[in-house]
C-alpha atoms as a PDB file:
ATOM      1  CA  UNK A   1       0.092   0.000   0.166  1.00  0.00           C
ATOM      2  CA  UNK A   2       3.207   2.378   1.098  1.00  0.00           C
ATOM      3  CA  UNK A   3       3.899   2.447  -3.257  1.00  0.00           C
ATOM      4  CA  UNK A   4      -0.128   3.280  -3.946  1.00  0.00           C
ATOM      5  CA  UNK A   5      -0.068   5.932  -1.109  1.00  0.00           C
ATOM      6  CA  UNK A   6       3.537   7.445  -2.869  1.00  0.00           C
ATOM      7  CA  UNK A   7       1.984   7.155  -6.321  1.00  0.00           C
ATOM      8  CA  UNK A   8      -1.169   9.628  -5.489  1.00  0.00           C
ATOM      9  CA  UNK A   9       0.935  12.221  -3.647  1.00  0.00           C
ATOM     10  CA  UNK A  10       3.074  12.162  -6.787  1.00  0.00           C
ATOM     11  CA  UNK A  11      -0.047  12.964  -9.003  1.00  0.00           C
ATOM     12  CA  UNK A  12      -1.871  15.286  -6.188  1.00  0.00           C
ATOM     13  CA  UNK A  13       1.485  17.091  -6.711  1.00  0.00           C
ATOM     14  CA  UNK A  14       2.123  17.169 -10.176  1.00  0.00           C
ATOM     15  CA  UNK A  15      -1.596  18.477 -10.886  1.00  0.00           C
ATOM     16  CA  UNK A  16      -1.210  21.626  -8.142  1.00  0.00           C
ATOM     17  CA  UNK A  17       2.452  22.347  -9.798  1.00  0.00           C
ATOM     18  CA  UNK A  18       0.777  22.209 -13.705  1.00  0.00           C
ATOM     19  CA  UNK A  19      -1.813  24.253 -12.352  1.00  0.00           C
ATOM     20  CA  UNK A  20       0.008  26.979 -10.446  1.00  0.00           C
ATOM     21  CA  UNK A  21       2.537  27.001 -13.791  1.00  0.00           C
ATOM     22  CA  UNK A  22      -0.310  27.004 -16.334  1.00  0.00           C
ATOM     23  CA  UNK A  23      -2.683  29.672 -14.457  1.00  0.00           C
ATOM     24  CA  UNK A  24       0.259  32.281 -13.521  1.00  0.00           C
ATOM     25  CA  UNK A  25      -0.140  35.841 -14.719  1.00  0.00           C
ATOM     26  CA  UNK A  26       1.093  38.916 -14.154  1.00  0.00           C
ATOM     27  CA  UNK A  27       2.293  42.641 -15.466  1.00  0.00           C
ATOM     28  CA  UNK A  28       5.708  44.642 -15.501  1.00  0.00           C
ATOM     29  CA  UNK A  29       5.777  48.475 -16.347  1.00  0.00           C
ATOM     30  CA  UNK A  30       8.821  49.121 -18.974  1.00  0.00           C
ATOM     31  CA  UNK A  31      10.803  52.419 -19.696  1.00  0.00           C
ATOM     32  CA  UNK A  32       8.616  55.041 -21.295  1.00  0.00           C
ATOM     33  CA  UNK A  33       7.996  56.165 -24.694  1.00  0.00           C
ATOM     34  CA  UNK A  34       9.701  58.994 -25.717  1.00  0.00           C
ATOM     35  CA  UNK A  35       6.697  60.898 -25.952  1.00  0.00           C
ATOM     36  CA  UNK A  36       3.194  60.675 -25.205  1.00  0.00           C
ATOM     37  CA  UNK A  37       0.652  58.845 -27.941  1.00  0.00           C
ATOM     38  CA  UNK A  38      -2.740  57.394 -28.016  1.00  0.00           C
ATOM     39  CA  UNK A  39      -4.401  55.810 -31.321  1.00  0.00           C
ATOM     40  CA  UNK A  40      -1.073  54.825 -32.526  1.00  0.00           C
ATOM     41  CA  UNK A  41      -0.076  51.469 -33.949  1.00  0.00           C
ATOM     42  CA  UNK A  42       2.296  49.290 -32.490  1.00  0.00           C
ATOM     43  CA  UNK A  43       3.846  46.491 -34.981  1.00  0.00           C
ATOM     44  CA  UNK A  44       6.126  43.743 -33.662  1.00  0.00           C
ATOM     45  CA  UNK A  45       8.837  42.198 -35.884  1.00  0.00           C
ATOM     46  CA  UNK A  46      11.940  40.355 -34.092  1.00  0.00           C
ATOM     47  CA  UNK A  47      12.952  42.188 -31.315  1.00  0.00           C
ATOM     48  CA  UNK A  48      11.786  45.413 -31.796  1.00  0.00           C
ATOM     49  CA  UNK A  49       8.002  46.708 -31.680  1.00  0.00           C
ATOM     50  CA  UNK A  50       7.350  49.383 -34.296  1.00  0.00           C
ATOM     51  CA  UNK A  51       4.877  52.166 -32.829  1.00  0.00           C
ATOM     52  CA  UNK A  52       3.961  54.549 -35.876  1.00  0.00           C
ATOM     53  CA  UNK A  53       1.529  57.859 -35.891  1.00  0.00           C
ATOM     54  CA  UNK A  54      -1.063  58.708 -33.502  1.00  0.00           C
ATOM     55  CA  UNK A  55      -2.176  61.909 -31.822  1.00  0.00           C
ATOM     56  CA  UNK A  56       0.201  63.698 -29.739  1.00  0.00           C
ATOM     57  CA  UNK A  57      -0.507  65.580 -26.485  1.00  0.00           C
ATOM     58  CA  UNK A  58      -1.374  68.594 -28.491  1.00  0.00           C
ATOM     59  CA  UNK A  59      -4.143  66.395 -30.146  1.00  0.00           C
ATOM     60  CA  UNK A  60      -2.344  66.849 -33.496  1.00  0.00           C
ATOM     61  CA  UNK A  61      -2.212  63.673 -35.989  1.00  0.00           C
ATOM     62  CA  UNK A  62       1.478  62.507 -35.695  1.00  0.00           C
ATOM     63  CA  UNK A  63       3.711  60.904 -38.351  1.00  0.00           C
ATOM     64  CA  UNK A  64       6.491  59.721 -35.839  1.00  0.00           C
ATOM     65  CA  UNK A  65       7.951  56.380 -35.365  1.00  0.00           C
ATOM     66  CA  UNK A  66       9.268  54.932 -32.177  1.00  0.00           C
ATOM     67  CA  UNK A  67      11.292  51.621 -32.321  1.00  0.00           C
ATOM     68  CA  UNK A  68      11.215  49.498 -29.025  1.00  0.00           C
ATOM     69  CA  UNK A  69      14.028  47.089 -28.171  1.00  0.00           C
ATOM     70  CA  UNK A  70      12.653  44.446 -26.375  1.00  0.00           C
ATOM     71  CA  UNK A  71      15.583  43.213 -24.867  1.00  0.00           C
ATOM     72  CA  UNK A  72      16.953  46.479 -23.891  1.00  0.00           C
ATOM     73  CA  UNK A  73      13.859  48.123 -22.440  1.00  0.00           C
ATOM     74  CA  UNK A  74      15.498  51.038 -24.739  1.00  0.00           C
ATOM     75  CA  UNK A  75      13.481  53.298 -27.171  1.00  0.00           C
ATOM     76  CA  UNK A  76      15.225  55.127 -30.658  1.00  0.00           C
ATOM     77  CA  UNK A  77      13.318  57.633 -33.054  1.00  0.00           C
ATOM     78  CA  UNK A  78      12.657  55.505 -36.406  1.00  0.00           C
ATOM     79  CA  UNK A  79      12.030  57.217 -39.528  1.00  0.00           C
ATOM     80  CA  UNK A  80       9.058  59.084 -39.687  1.00  0.00           C
ATOM     81  CA  UNK A  81       6.362  58.494 -42.096  1.00  0.00           C
ATOM     82  CA  UNK A  82       5.479  60.475 -45.297  1.00  0.00           C
ATOM     83  CA  UNK A  83       1.754  61.285 -43.801  1.00  0.00           C
ATOM     84  CA  UNK A  84       0.422  61.961 -39.868  1.00  0.00           C
ATOM     85  CA  UNK A  85      -2.232  59.888 -39.200  1.00  0.00           C
ATOM     86  CA  UNK A  86      -4.048  58.683 -36.320  1.00  0.00           C
ATOM     87  CA  UNK A  87      -6.652  55.886 -35.809  1.00  0.00           C
ATOM     88  CA  UNK A  88      -5.271  53.869 -38.231  1.00  0.00           C
ATOM     89  CA  UNK A  89      -5.228  50.234 -39.492  1.00  0.00           C
ATOM     90  CA  UNK A  90      -1.931  48.567 -39.139  1.00  0.00           C
ATOM     91  CA  UNK A  91      -0.571  44.819 -40.017  1.00  0.00           C
ATOM     92  CA  UNK A  92       2.985  43.781 -40.784  1.00  0.00           C
ATOM     93  CA  UNK A  93       4.145  40.693 -43.052  1.00  0.00           C
ATOM     94  CA  UNK A  94       7.325  39.684 -44.744  1.00  0.00           C
ATOM     95  CA  UNK A  95       9.550  42.826 -42.918  1.00  0.00           C
ATOM     96  CA  UNK A  96       7.030  44.979 -43.835  1.00  0.00           C
ATOM     97  CA  UNK A  97       4.695  46.964 -41.671  1.00  0.00           C
ATOM     98  CA  UNK A  98       1.547  48.484 -43.721  1.00  0.00           C
ATOM     99  CA  UNK A  99      -0.316  51.111 -42.316  1.00  0.00           C
ATOM    100  CA  UNK A 100      -3.870  51.911 -43.899  1.00  0.00           C
ATOM    101  CA  UNK A 101      -6.298  54.449 -43.278  1.00  0.00           C
ATOM    102  CA  UNK A 102      -7.229  56.737 -40.081  1.00  0.00           C
ATOM    103  CA  UNK A 103      -7.160  60.429 -39.845  1.00  0.00           C
ATOM    104  CA  UNK A 104      -5.667  63.549 -40.853  1.00  0.00           C
ATOM    105  CA  UNK A 105      -5.781  66.724 -38.695  1.00  0.00           C
ATOM    106  CA  UNK A 106      -9.004  67.969 -38.250  1.00  0.00           C
ATOM    107  CA  UNK A 107     -10.768  64.518 -38.137  1.00  0.00           C
ATOM    108  CA  UNK A 108     -10.592  64.318 -42.180  1.00  0.00           C
ATOM    109  CA  UNK A 109     -10.521  60.549 -43.142  1.00  0.00           C
ATOM    110  CA  UNK A 110      -7.565  59.120 -45.003  1.00  0.00           C
ATOM    111  CA  UNK A 111      -7.584  56.261 -47.668  1.00  0.00           C
ATOM    112  CA  UNK A 112      -3.951  56.221 -47.543  1.00  0.00           C
ATOM    113  CA  UNK A 113      -1.664  52.780 -47.622  1.00  0.00           C
ATOM    114  CA  UNK A 114       1.517  53.341 -45.886  1.00  0.00           C
ATOM    115  CA  UNK A 115       4.500  50.908 -46.538  1.00  0.00           C
ATOM    116  CA  UNK A 116       7.449  50.923 -44.436  1.00  0.00           C
ATOM    117  CA  UNK A 117      10.082  48.516 -45.652  1.00  0.00           C
ATOM    118  CA  UNK A 118      11.983  47.567 -42.187  1.00  0.00           C
ATOM    119  CA  UNK A 119      15.203  46.259 -44.440  1.00  0.00           C
ATOM    120  CA  UNK A 120      15.461  48.980 -46.396  1.00  0.00           C
ATOM    121  CA  UNK A 121      14.233  51.821 -43.583  1.00  0.00           C
ATOM    122  CA  UNK A 122      11.984  53.240 -46.111  1.00  0.00           C
ATOM    123  CA  UNK A 123       8.291  54.285 -46.563  1.00  0.00           C
ATOM    124  CA  UNK A 124       6.328  53.885 -49.833  1.00  0.00           C
ATOM    125  CA  UNK A 125       3.067  54.467 -51.170  1.00  0.00           C
ATOM    126  CA  UNK A 126       0.512  51.487 -52.194  1.00  0.00           C
ATOM    127  CA  UNK A 127      -2.561  51.836 -53.877  1.00  0.00           C
ATOM    128  CA  UNK A 128      -4.958  53.598 -52.038  1.00  0.00           C
ATOM    129  CA  UNK A 129      -7.833  51.765 -50.213  1.00  0.00           C
ATOM    130  CA  UNK A 130     -11.431  52.471 -52.124  1.00  0.00           C
ATOM    131  CA  UNK A 131     -13.165  53.761 -48.738  1.00  0.00           C
ATOM    132  CA  UNK A 132     -11.541  56.221 -46.585  1.00  0.00           C
ATOM    133  CA  UNK A 133     -12.126  55.928 -43.169  1.00  0.00           C
ATOM    134  CA  UNK A 134     -10.410  55.680 -39.937  1.00  0.00           C
ATOM    135  CA  UNK A 135     -11.114  53.946 -36.985  1.00  0.00           C
ATOM    136  CA  UNK A 136     -10.789  50.701 -38.619  1.00  0.00           C
ATOM    137  CA  UNK A 137      -8.652  47.480 -38.218  1.00  0.00           C
ATOM    138  CA  UNK A 138      -6.292  45.705 -40.557  1.00  0.00           C
ATOM    139  CA  UNK A 139      -5.065  41.909 -40.022  1.00  0.00           C
ATOM    140  CA  UNK A 140      -3.282  40.009 -42.940  1.00  0.00           C
ATOM    141  CA  UNK A 141      -4.485  36.479 -43.546  1.00  0.00           C
ATOM    142  CA  UNK A 142      -2.894  34.294 -46.096  1.00  0.00           C
ATOM    143  CA  UNK A 143      -0.662  37.218 -47.704  1.00  0.00           C
ATOM    144  CA  UNK A 144      -3.263  39.434 -47.776  1.00  0.00           C
ATOM    145  CA  UNK A 145      -4.384  42.444 -46.110  1.00  0.00           C
ATOM    146  CA  UNK A 146      -8.206  43.034 -44.460  1.00  0.00           C
ATOM    147  CA  UNK A 147      -9.271  46.539 -43.592  1.00  0.00           C
ATOM    148  CA  UNK A 148     -12.448  45.955 -41.244  1.00  0.00           C
ATOM    149  CA  UNK A 149     -15.158  48.857 -40.117  1.00  0.00           C
ATOM    150  CA  UNK A 150     -14.049  52.264 -39.240  1.00  0.00           C
ATOM    151  CA  UNK A 151     -15.842  55.811 -39.635  1.00  0.00           C
ATOM    152  CA  UNK A 152     -16.645  58.266 -42.225  1.00  0.00           C
ATOM    153  CA  UNK A 153     -19.750  60.492 -42.260  1.00  0.00           C
ATOM    154  CA  UNK A 154     -21.171  57.245 -40.651  1.00  0.00           C
ATOM    155  CA  UNK A 155     -20.098  53.707 -39.186  1.00  0.00           C
ATOM    156  CA  UNK A 156     -18.710  51.992 -41.490  1.00  0.00           C
ATOM    157  CA  UNK A 157     -19.090  47.998 -42.573  1.00  0.00           C
ATOM    158  CA  UNK A 158     -16.442  47.653 -45.283  1.00  0.00           C
ATOM    159  CA  UNK A 159     -14.622  44.405 -45.658  1.00  0.00           C
ATOM    160  CA  UNK A 160     -11.962  45.517 -48.420  1.00  0.00           C
ATOM    161  CA  UNK A 161      -8.699  43.474 -49.106  1.00  0.00           C
ATOM    162  CA  UNK A 162      -5.531  44.332 -50.451  1.00  0.00           C
ATOM    163  CA  UNK A 163      -3.123  42.045 -52.402  1.00  0.00           C
ATOM    164  CA  UNK A 164       0.978  42.960 -52.052  1.00  0.00           C
ATOM    165  CA  UNK A 165       1.667  41.190 -55.012  1.00  0.00           C
ATOM    166  CA  UNK A 166      -0.344  43.204 -57.479  1.00  0.00           C
ATOM    167  CA  UNK A 167      -1.102  46.249 -55.613  1.00  0.00           C
ATOM    168  CA  UNK A 168      -4.705  45.937 -56.018  1.00  0.00           C
ATOM    169  CA  UNK A 169      -7.700  46.511 -53.620  1.00  0.00           C
ATOM    170  CA  UNK A 170     -11.474  44.145 -53.257  1.00  0.00           C
ATOM    171  CA  UNK A 171     -14.250  44.251 -51.824  1.00  0.00           C
ATOM    172  CA  UNK A 172     -15.271  41.253 -49.449  1.00  0.00           C
ATOM    173  CA  UNK A 173     -18.215  40.142 -47.459  1.00  0.00           C
ATOM    174  CA  UNK A 174     -19.166  43.153 -45.355  1.00  0.00           C
ATOM    175  CA  UNK A 175     -18.914  42.893 -41.757  1.00  0.00           C
ATOM    176  CA  UNK A 176     -22.447  42.249 -40.196  1.00  0.00           C
ATOM    177  CA  UNK A 177     -22.362  44.857 -37.175  1.00  0.00           C
ATOM    178  CA  UNK A 178     -20.820  47.966 -38.852  1.00  0.00           C
ATOM    179  CA  UNK A 179     -18.580  49.480 -36.103  1.00  0.00           C
ATOM    180  CA  UNK A 180     -15.619  51.571 -35.452  1.00  0.00           C
ATOM    181  CA  UNK A 181     -12.820  51.856 -32.847  1.00  0.00           C
ATOM    182  CA  UNK A 182     -12.978  48.162 -32.270  1.00  0.00           C
ATOM    183  CA  UNK A 183     -10.117  45.513 -32.114  1.00  0.00           C
ATOM    184  CA  UNK A 184      -9.212  42.748 -34.087  1.00  0.00           C
ATOM    185  CA  UNK A 185      -7.301  39.264 -33.679  1.00  0.00           C
ATOM    186  CA  UNK A 186      -6.219  36.111 -35.751  1.00  0.00           C
ATOM    187  CA  UNK A 187      -6.747  32.852 -34.764  1.00  0.00           C
ATOM    188  CA  UNK A 188      -5.949  29.719 -36.762  1.00  0.00           C
ATOM    189  CA  UNK A 189      -6.347  31.822 -40.059  1.00  0.00           C
ATOM    190  CA  UNK A 190      -9.525  33.409 -38.698  1.00  0.00           C
ATOM    191  CA  UNK A 191      -9.939  37.144 -38.200  1.00  0.00           C
ATOM    192  CA  UNK A 192     -12.033  38.215 -35.293  1.00  0.00           C
ATOM    193  CA  UNK A 193     -13.697  41.679 -34.392  1.00  0.00           C
ATOM    194  CA  UNK A 194     -14.490  42.333 -31.046  1.00  0.00           C
ATOM    195  CA  UNK A 195     -16.355  45.469 -29.115  1.00  0.00           C
ATOM    196  CA  UNK A 196     -16.073  48.760 -31.058  1.00  0.00           C
ATOM    197  CA  UNK A 197     -18.849  51.317 -31.209  1.00  0.00           C
ATOM    198  CA  UNK A 198     -21.694  52.385 -33.528  1.00  0.00           C
ATOM    199  CA  UNK A 199     -22.510  56.089 -32.792  1.00  0.00           C
ATOM    200  CA  UNK A 200     -22.461  56.554 -29.012  1.00  0.00           C
ATOM    201  CA  UNK A 201     -23.053  53.423 -28.137  1.00  0.00           C
ATOM    202  CA  UNK A 202     -20.317  50.614 -26.910  1.00  0.00           C
ATOM    203  CA  UNK A 203     -20.693  47.199 -28.235  1.00  0.00           C
ATOM    204  CA  UNK A 204     -19.829  43.456 -27.437  1.00  0.00           C
ATOM    205  CA  UNK A 205     -20.433  42.103 -30.787  1.00  0.00           C
ATOM    206  CA  UNK A 206     -17.758  39.302 -31.417  1.00  0.00           C
ATOM    207  CA  UNK A 207     -17.658  38.288 -34.809  1.00  0.00           C
ATOM    208  CA  UNK A 208     -15.257  35.615 -36.604  1.00  0.00           C
ATOM    209  CA  UNK A 209     -14.637  35.943 -40.279  1.00  0.00           C
ATOM    210  CA  UNK A 210     -13.532  32.774 -42.695  1.00  0.00           C
ATOM    211  CA  UNK A 211     -11.646  34.119 -45.519  1.00  0.00           C
ATOM    212  CA  UNK A 212     -11.823  30.810 -47.816  1.00  0.00           C
ATOM    213  CA  UNK A 213     -15.479  30.737 -47.905  1.00  0.00           C
ATOM    214  CA  UNK A 214     -15.704  34.945 -47.444  1.00  0.00           C
ATOM    215  CA  UNK A 215     -18.594  34.946 -44.676  1.00  0.00           C
ATOM    216  CA  UNK A 216     -18.918  35.932 -41.056  1.00  0.00           C
ATOM    217  CA  UNK A 217     -20.495  34.004 -38.070  1.00  0.00           C
ATOM    218  CA  UNK A 218     -21.086  35.686 -34.784  1.00  0.00           C
ATOM    219  CA  UNK A 219     -19.468  34.421 -31.259  1.00  0.00           C
ATOM    220  CA  UNK A 220     -20.516  34.411 -27.765  1.00  0.00           C
ATOM    221  CA  UNK A 221     -20.390  38.642 -27.009  1.00  0.00           C
ATOM    222  CA  UNK A 222     -17.815  40.101 -25.152  1.00  0.00           C
ATOM    223  CA  UNK A 223     -18.615  40.147 -21.664  1.00  0.00           C
ATOM    224  CA  UNK A 224     -17.489  43.962 -21.249  1.00  0.00           C
ATOM    225  CA  UNK A 225     -19.339  46.036 -24.077  1.00  0.00           C
ATOM    226  CA  UNK A 226     -16.390  48.701 -24.756  1.00  0.00           C
ATOM    227  CA  UNK A 227     -14.867  51.011 -27.493  1.00  0.00           C
ATOM    228  CA  UNK A 228     -11.084  52.174 -27.842  1.00  0.00           C
ATOM    229  CA  UNK A 229      -9.932  48.411 -27.066  1.00  0.00           C
ATOM    230  CA  UNK A 230      -7.208  46.877 -27.646  1.00  0.00           C
ATOM    231  CA  UNK A 231      -6.486  42.754 -28.463  1.00  0.00           C
ATOM    232  CA  UNK A 232      -3.701  40.249 -29.322  1.00  0.00           C
ATOM    233  CA  UNK A 233      -3.339  36.605 -29.043  1.00  0.00           C
ATOM    234  CA  UNK A 234      -1.228  34.123 -27.062  1.00  0.00           C
ATOM    235  CA  UNK A 235      -0.856  30.416 -26.904  1.00  0.00           C
ATOM    236  CA  UNK A 236      -4.301  29.901 -28.747  1.00  0.00           C
ATOM    237  CA  UNK A 237      -6.093  32.388 -26.837  1.00  0.00           C
ATOM    238  CA  UNK A 238      -7.521  36.025 -27.659  1.00  0.00           C
ATOM    239  CA  UNK A 239      -6.777  38.562 -24.738  1.00  0.00           C
ATOM    240  CA  UNK A 240      -8.604  42.203 -25.243  1.00  0.00           C
ATOM    241  CA  UNK A 241      -7.526  44.856 -22.881  1.00  0.00           C
ATOM    242  CA  UNK A 242      -9.068  48.498 -21.961  1.00  0.00           C
ATOM    243  CA  UNK A 243     -11.111  50.521 -23.832  1.00  0.00           C
ATOM    244  CA  UNK A 244     -13.666  53.798 -23.048  1.00  0.00           C
ATOM    245  CA  UNK A 245     -16.896  54.433 -21.665  1.00  0.00           C
ATOM    246  CA  UNK A 246     -18.548  57.767 -21.175  1.00  0.00           C
ATOM    247  CA  UNK A 247     -17.294  58.785 -17.916  1.00  0.00           C
ATOM    248  CA  UNK A 248     -14.039  56.141 -17.405  1.00  0.00           C
ATOM    249  CA  UNK A 249     -11.713  54.132 -18.891  1.00  0.00           C
ATOM    250  CA  UNK A 250     -11.564  50.361 -18.813  1.00  0.00           C
ATOM    251  CA  UNK A 251      -9.032  48.108 -17.212  1.00  0.00           C
ATOM    252  CA  UNK A 252     -11.028  45.170 -17.917  1.00  0.00           C
ATOM    253  CA  UNK A 253      -8.610  42.156 -19.352  1.00  0.00           C
ATOM    254  CA  UNK A 254     -10.816  39.371 -20.912  1.00  0.00           C
ATOM    255  CA  UNK A 255      -9.699  36.280 -22.574  1.00  0.00           C
ATOM    256  CA  UNK A 256     -11.386  34.411 -25.091  1.00  0.00           C
ATOM    257  CA  UNK A 257     -10.773  30.363 -25.925  1.00  0.00           C
ATOM    258  CA  UNK A 258     -12.641  29.103 -29.317  1.00  0.00           C
ATOM    259  CA  UNK A 259     -15.415  26.706 -28.297  1.00  0.00           C
ATOM    260  CA  UNK A 260     -15.162  27.348 -24.757  1.00  0.00           C
ATOM    261  CA  UNK A 261     -16.639  30.930 -24.330  1.00  0.00           C
ATOM    262  CA  UNK A 262     -14.742  34.199 -22.114  1.00  0.00           C
ATOM    263  CA  UNK A 263     -12.753  34.296 -19.395  1.00  0.00           C
ATOM    264  CA  UNK A 264     -11.793  37.197 -16.993  1.00  0.00           C
ATOM    265  CA  UNK A 265      -8.210  38.082 -16.750  1.00  0.00           C
ATOM    266  CA  UNK A 266      -5.808  39.850 -13.942  1.00  0.00           C
ATOM    267  CA  UNK A 267      -6.642  43.613 -14.738  1.00  0.00           C
ATOM    268  CA  UNK A 268      -4.608  46.352 -16.428  1.00  0.00           C
ATOM    269  CA  UNK A 269      -2.498  48.301 -13.581  1.00  0.00           C
ATOM    270  CA  UNK A 270      -3.696  51.593 -15.145  1.00  0.00           C
ATOM    271  CA  UNK A 271      -6.674  51.415 -17.403  1.00  0.00           C
ATOM    272  CA  UNK A 272      -7.049  53.380 -20.602  1.00  0.00           C
ATOM    273  CA  UNK A 273      -8.378  53.309 -23.925  1.00  0.00           C
ATOM    274  CA  UNK A 274      -6.579  54.040 -27.649  1.00  0.00           C
ATOM    275  CA  UNK A 275      -3.867  51.730 -26.774  1.00  0.00           C
ATOM    276  CA  UNK A 276      -2.359  49.136 -29.144  1.00  0.00           C
ATOM    277  CA  UNK A 277      -1.297  45.290 -27.985  1.00  0.00           C
ATOM    278  CA  UNK A 278       1.166  43.072 -29.609  1.00  0.00           C
ATOM    279  CA  UNK A 279       2.913  39.530 -28.591  1.00  0.00           C
ATOM    280  CA  UNK A 280       5.982  38.619 -28.575  1.00  0.00           C
ATOM    281  CA  UNK A 281       8.359  35.839 -27.134  1.00  0.00           C
ATOM    282  CA  UNK A 282       5.000  34.830 -25.451  1.00  0.00           C
ATOM    283  CA  UNK A 283       4.674  38.217 -23.481  1.00  0.00           C
ATOM    284  CA  UNK A 284       2.201  40.903 -24.468  1.00  0.00           C
ATOM    285  CA  UNK A 285       3.257  44.502 -24.401  1.00  0.00           C
ATOM    286  CA  UNK A 286       0.404  47.108 -24.355  1.00  0.00           C
ATOM    287  CA  UNK A 287       1.750  50.335 -26.208  1.00  0.00           C
ATOM    288  CA  UNK A 288       0.240  53.716 -24.918  1.00  0.00           C
ATOM    289  CA  UNK A 289      -2.994  55.024 -24.913  1.00  0.00           C
ATOM    290  CA  UNK A 290      -5.379  58.029 -22.756  1.00  0.00           C
ATOM    291  CA  UNK A 291      -5.739  57.007 -18.840  1.00  0.00           C
ATOM    292  CA  UNK A 292      -9.284  59.472 -19.108  1.00  0.00           C
ATOM    293  CA  UNK A 293     -12.060  58.993 -21.747  1.00  0.00           C
ATOM    294  CA  UNK A 294     -11.589  61.647 -24.521  1.00  0.00           C
ATOM    295  CA  UNK A 295      -8.624  62.987 -25.941  1.00  0.00           C
ATOM    296  CA  UNK A 296      -5.983  61.637 -23.617  1.00  0.00           C
ATOM    297  CA  UNK A 297      -2.558  60.264 -24.289  1.00  0.00           C
ATOM    298  CA  UNK A 298       0.095  58.475 -22.013  1.00  0.00           C
ATOM    299  CA  UNK A 299       3.836  57.417 -22.969  1.00  0.00           C
ATOM    300  CA  UNK A 300       3.178  53.747 -21.037  1.00  0.00           C
ATOM    301  CA  UNK A 301       3.983  50.461 -21.818  1.00  0.00           C
ATOM    302  CA  UNK A 302       3.603  47.272 -19.701  1.00  0.00           C
ATOM    303  CA  UNK A 303       4.253  43.706 -20.504  1.00  0.00           C
ATOM    304  CA  UNK A 304       1.675  41.228 -19.943  1.00  0.00           C
ATOM    305  CA  UNK A 305       2.142  37.375 -19.303  1.00  0.00           C
ATOM    306  CA  UNK A 306      -0.420  34.600 -18.792  1.00  0.00           C
ATOM    307  CA  UNK A 307       0.430  30.726 -19.584  1.00  0.00           C
ATOM    308  CA  UNK A 308      -3.270  29.661 -20.218  1.00  0.00           C
ATOM    309  CA  UNK A 309      -3.498  27.152 -22.393  1.00  0.00           C
ATOM    310  CA  UNK A 310      -6.808  25.653 -23.719  1.00  0.00           C
ATOM    311  CA  UNK A 311      -5.958  22.023 -23.728  1.00  0.00           C
ATOM    312  CA  UNK A 312      -4.584  22.094 -19.850  1.00  0.00           C
ATOM    313  CA  UNK A 313      -7.553  20.051 -19.006  1.00  0.00           C
ATOM    314  CA  UNK A 314      -6.998  17.481 -21.228  1.00  0.00           C
ATOM    315  CA  UNK A 315      -3.089  17.431 -20.124  1.00  0.00           C
ATOM    316  CA  UNK A 316      -4.247  16.928 -16.442  1.00  0.00           C
ATOM    317  CA  UNK A 317      -6.180  14.130 -17.423  1.00  0.00           C
ATOM    318  CA  UNK A 318      -3.264  12.501 -19.114  1.00  0.00           C
ATOM    319  CA  UNK A 319      -1.152  12.485 -16.113  1.00  0.00           C
ATOM    320  CA  UNK A 320      -4.151  11.246 -13.967  1.00  0.00           C
ATOM    321  CA  UNK A 321      -4.412   8.136 -16.889  1.00  0.00           C
ATOM    322  CA  UNK A 322      -0.841   7.350 -16.727  1.00  0.00           C
ATOM    323  CA  UNK A 323      -0.587   7.491 -12.588  1.00  0.00           C
ATOM    324  CA  UNK A 324      -3.607   5.361 -12.351  1.00  0.00           C
ATOM    325  CA  UNK A 325      -2.564   2.690 -14.996  1.00  0.00           C
ATOM    326  CA  UNK A 326       0.945   2.814 -12.980  1.00  0.00           C
ATOM    327  CA  UNK A 327      -1.202   2.015  -9.640  1.00  0.00           C
ATOM    328  CA  UNK A 328      -3.145  -0.681 -11.165  1.00  0.00           C
ATOM    329  CA  UNK A 329       0.018  -2.349 -12.366  1.00  0.00           C
ATOM    330  CA  UNK A 330       2.114  -1.942  -9.654  1.00  0.00           C
ATOM    331  CA  UNK A 331      -0.784  -3.283  -7.117  1.00  0.00           C
ATOM    332  CA  UNK A 332      -1.481  -6.152  -9.656  1.00  0.00           C
ATOM    333  CA  UNK A 333       2.141  -7.092  -9.166  1.00  0.00           C
ATOM    334  CA  UNK A 334       1.962  -6.662  -5.812  1.00  0.00           C
ATOM    335  CA  UNK A 335      -0.668  -8.740  -5.442  1.00  0.00           C
ATOM    336  CA  UNK A 336       0.708 -11.662  -7.733  1.00  0.00           C
ATOM    337  CA  UNK A 337       3.752 -11.704  -5.881  1.00  0.00           C
ATOM    338  CA  UNK A 338       1.538 -11.966  -2.564  1.00  0.00           C
ATOM    339  CA  UNK A 339      -0.074 -15.512  -3.687  1.00  0.00           C
ATOM    340  CA  UNK A 340       3.103 -16.955  -5.048  1.00  0.00           C
ATOM    341  CA  UNK A 341       4.668 -16.543  -1.730  1.00  0.00           C
END
């Protein structure tokens, strides 16, 4: 019986240790940006994070680019964009950063596509997007840039896709829920559009786009309706941070696991909106954003880690099954030895 007791203890210790490790999460404050910003876009490449455009603390469009070195926790000034923009959509692909749409000074919507070649340290312009709009999102799927939603005279529903190989745009299926100031993320080759607002109403709508079928599907709503939020993925999970309402900013951190739904996570240390989020080497970096509703700005960068793994339950069951099998084999062997004696 002693061997059974030992194995049982080993099983319990293994499960508790795995649980503690896989559920650990935490925040860390990093070196401030050179200047305060909100509604910028942050894009990661290797060990660098590129922060482009946005609103500066004079509520003006900005064309600066700040470059953060993750290993050194330091900032440099990069090559400025050819156009000053805020509230743009942005994504990176093949060592290039793509910045699309946004607003000029005076909140005039843009349809420009700006492309930064990291290797050459040079900006160029691509074909203009068909529909000028700001407060949109952009994501790469299968080598093409998808620009979704936004605002221009009214809340937009457009889903337009750019092919870098042909330098051309085409229209795809409109998003079912028109929205602006929303967030987006790519998981398993599908594009998730989350939250945002329509007019003055914050949204909790969560929809996913299948580019192979050119179709949308509604999912379980975001637990906290909010706009001006940021999203990114880590370990097969979508994390959604921050946002704003009428009277306050949000510090909520909510995680979505496909086929399992939404889960509340550890809140942001400093609630803010108009921020952006990127994932690098198992950590999420939250960049800039305003600490009060409306026009506000900050130089804040925070690092968040969370080791949630959707397959965690299966892993524990595997440990349990192996331990039970070992216990049965050992018990049976001991019983047979006793019979022989």
